Amino acid sequence: MFRRTFWFTAGAAAGVWATTKVNRKLRQLTPESLAAQAANKAVEAGHRLKDFALDVRDNMAEREAELGDALGLNDPVDAEIGALPAQRRFAAVENTFKTEQPKYLEATEVSRAPHHDPHNNRNEDH
């Protein structure tokens, strides 16, 4: 008798447990529940995207400050002079693609340099 009662109780408990588990799963699969889950995921993704954008903005500002310091753009203006720092000068590079003359001519080579006629260029496509 005791053995039958034990197995009856164990079976009833397993049935209740299985029924509860199936009902929970069915409630999770209703359209309303799926819509709520999708909305929650979208909100979480939005928060992660916002945090990423804020991190990018902070790191960008930090990097701009580092570059400004390295290039001397963040140096304070001299109060006595009241002017900005002098501009940096860059070397100009001559475009030698359409000319046959060397880039820099020595004084003795100037007289021997070939004459360049822009209307008679053999390298241009006509």
Protein backbone atom coordinates (compact mmCIF):
# COMPACT_ATOMS: atom_id res chain seq x y z
CA MET A 1 0.00 0.00 0.00
CA PHE A 2 2.74 2.42 0.92
CA ARG A 3 4.54 1.72 -2.36
CA ARG A 4 1.42 2.51 -4.42
CA THR A 5 0.87 5.78 -2.57
CA PHE A 6 4.48 6.81 -3.18
CA TRP A 7 4.29 6.17 -6.94
CA PHE A 8 0.89 7.83 -7.21
CA THR A 9 2.24 10.96 -5.48
CA ALA A 10 5.41 10.95 -7.60
CA GLY A 11 3.33 10.66 -10.79
CA ALA A 12 0.98 13.45 -9.73
CA ALA A 13 3.93 15.73 -8.89
CA ALA A 14 5.58 14.98 -12.24
CA GLY A 15 2.28 15.72 -14.01
CA VAL A 16 1.86 19.04 -12.20
CA TRP A 17 5.47 19.97 -12.92
CA ALA A 18 5.15 19.08 -16.64
CA THR A 19 1.81 20.90 -16.97
CA THR A 20 3.23 24.02 -15.34
CA LYS A 21 6.29 23.95 -17.60
CA VAL A 22 4.18 23.51 -20.76
CA ASN A 23 1.80 26.32 -19.75
CA ARG A 24 4.72 28.69 -19.13
CA LYS A 25 6.18 27.89 -22.53
CA LEU A 26 2.79 28.41 -24.21
CA ARG A 27 2.43 31.82 -22.52
CA GLN A 28 5.88 32.80 -23.79
CA LEU A 29 4.85 31.95 -27.34
CA THR A 30 1.70 34.08 -27.46
CA PRO A 31 1.82 37.02 -29.90
CA GLU A 32 1.62 39.57 -27.08
CA SER A 33 4.51 37.98 -25.22
CA LEU A 34 6.63 37.73 -28.37
CA ALA A 35 5.94 41.40 -29.14
CA ALA A 36 6.94 42.41 -25.61
CA GLN A 37 10.15 40.35 -25.86
CA ALA A 38 11.01 41.95 -29.21
CA ALA A 39 10.37 45.43 -27.78
CA ASN A 40 12.62 44.70 -24.79
CA LYS A 41 15.39 43.46 -27.10
CA ALA A 42 15.06 46.59 -29.24
CA VAL A 43 15.28 48.85 -26.19
CA GLU A 44 18.38 46.98 -24.97
CA ALA A 45 19.98 47.29 -28.42
CA GLY A 46 19.18 51.01 -28.43
CA HIS A 47 20.87 51.47 -25.05
CA ARG A 48 23.95 49.57 -26.22
CA LEU A 49 24.10 51.66 -29.40
CA LYS A 50 23.78 54.89 -27.40
CA ASP A 51 26.57 53.79 -25.05
CA PHE A 52 28.76 52.93 -28.04
CA ALA A 53 28.12 56.34 -29.63
CA LEU A 54 28.99 58.11 -26.37
CA ASP A 55 32.21 56.09 -26.07
CA VAL A 56 33.14 56.96 -29.65
CA ARG A 57 32.47 60.66 -29.03
CA ASP A 58 34.55 60.67 -25.84
CA ASN A 59 37.46 58.84 -27.47
CA MET A 60 37.26 61.10 -30.52
CA ALA A 61 37.49 64.23 -28.36
CA GLU A 62 40.40 62.73 -26.44
CA ARG A 63 42.23 61.86 -29.66
CA GLU A 64 41.60 65.34 -31.11
CA ALA A 65 43.12 66.85 -27.98
CA GLU A 66 46.16 64.55 -28.30
CA LEU A 67 46.61 65.51 -31.95
CA GLY A 68 46.14 69.19 -31.13
CA ASP A 69 48.86 68.96 -28.50
CA ALA A 70 51.18 67.09 -30.87
CA LEU A 71 50.68 69.65 -33.65
CA GLY A 72 50.86 72.65 -31.33
CA LEU A 73 47.31 73.76 -32.04
CA ASN A 74 46.38 73.86 -28.38
CA ASP A 75 49.30 76.12 -27.37
CA PRO A 76 48.14 79.29 -25.63
CA VAL A 77 48.37 82.57 -27.55
CA ASP A 78 51.32 84.72 -26.49
CA ALA A 79 49.76 87.51 -24.40
CA GLU A 80 52.54 90.01 -25.14
CA ILE A 81 52.25 89.72 -28.90
CA GLY A 82 48.57 88.84 -29.05
CA ALA A 83 49.05 86.96 -32.31
CA LEU A 84 48.59 83.39 -33.33
CA PRO A 85 51.62 81.15 -33.76
CA ALA A 86 53.33 81.36 -37.12
CA GLN A 87 51.91 79.13 -39.81
CA ARG A 88 53.82 76.05 -40.76
CA ARG A 89 55.39 76.09 -44.19
CA PHE A 90 55.21 73.09 -46.42
CA ALA A 91 57.45 72.39 -49.38
CA ALA A 92 55.65 72.75 -52.68
CA VAL A 93 56.09 69.85 -55.04
CA GLU A 94 56.19 70.66 -58.74
CA ASN A 95 54.02 68.62 -61.06
CA THR A 96 56.48 67.04 -63.50
CA PHE A 97 54.09 64.68 -65.23
CA LYS A 98 53.51 66.94 -68.25
CA THR A 99 57.00 68.39 -68.58
CA GLU A 100 60.20 66.86 -69.77
CA GLN A 101 62.38 69.25 -67.78
CA PRO A 102 64.09 68.00 -64.63
CA LYS A 103 62.63 69.15 -61.37
CA TYR A 104 65.64 71.28 -60.39
CA LEU A 105 68.14 72.59 -62.93
CA GLU A 106 71.73 73.51 -62.22
CA ALA A 107 72.90 76.88 -63.57
CA THR A 108 74.94 75.22 -66.34
CA GLU A 109 72.05 73.02 -67.41
CA VAL A 110 69.51 75.81 -67.89
CA SER A 111 70.76 76.64 -71.36
CA ARG A 112 70.67 72.95 -72.40
CA ALA A 113 67.20 72.23 -71.03
CA PRO A 114 64.71 71.17 -73.72
CA HIS A 115 61.96 73.62 -74.59
CA HIS A 116 58.52 72.56 -73.46
CA ASP A 117 55.57 73.39 -75.71
CA PRO A 118 52.25 72.60 -73.96
CA HIS A 119 50.47 72.25 -77.34
CA ASN A 120 52.95 69.67 -78.64
CA ASN A 121 53.02 67.01 -75.95
CA ARG A 122 53.58 63.48 -77.22
CA ASN A 123 52.38 61.96 -73.94
CA GLU A 124 48.87 63.39 -74.07
CA ASP A 125 46.01 61.41 -75.48
CA HIS A 126 44.29 63.34 -78.27
